[in-house]
C-alpha cells in the first residue's frame, strides 16, 4: 500500500467514526429535546386544568353567595317595611329608620356586586348564555 492509499483509508475511518459519534449524540440531543417538550406539555396541561378547576370553584362559591345576598336583601326589605309601618304609628326613632334604610341599600348593592362577579366568572369560562349573545 502506498502512502496516499494509507492516508485515504485513515481519513475514511476517521470520517466514519466521527459520523457514528455525531449521529449518536444527535439522537441523544433529540431525545432530550423531546423529553423537555413533553415536560412543558404536562406543565401547561396541569396549569390549564388547575385554572379551570379554580374558575369552577369560584363560580360555585359565587352561586352560593348570590343566594345568601338575595336572602339578606329580602330580610332588609322586610325589616324596612316593618320599620316604615312602625314609623307610621310613630314607634321607631329616626336613627332606627336611617339604619334600616342604610342596611337595605347596602344589601341591594352587595346583591348586585355578587351577581356581577358571578356573571363575570361565567363569562371567563364562556358558560353564560349572555356572554355568547354579546349581551
Foldseek 3Di string as FASTA:
>chain_A
DDPVVVVVVVVVVVVVVVVVVVVVVVVVVVVVVVVVVVVVVVVVVVVVVVVVVVLVVQLVVLVVVLVVLVVQLVVLVVVLVVVVVCVVVPDDDVVVNVVSVVSNVVSVVSNVVSVVSNVVSCLVVVNDPCNVVVD
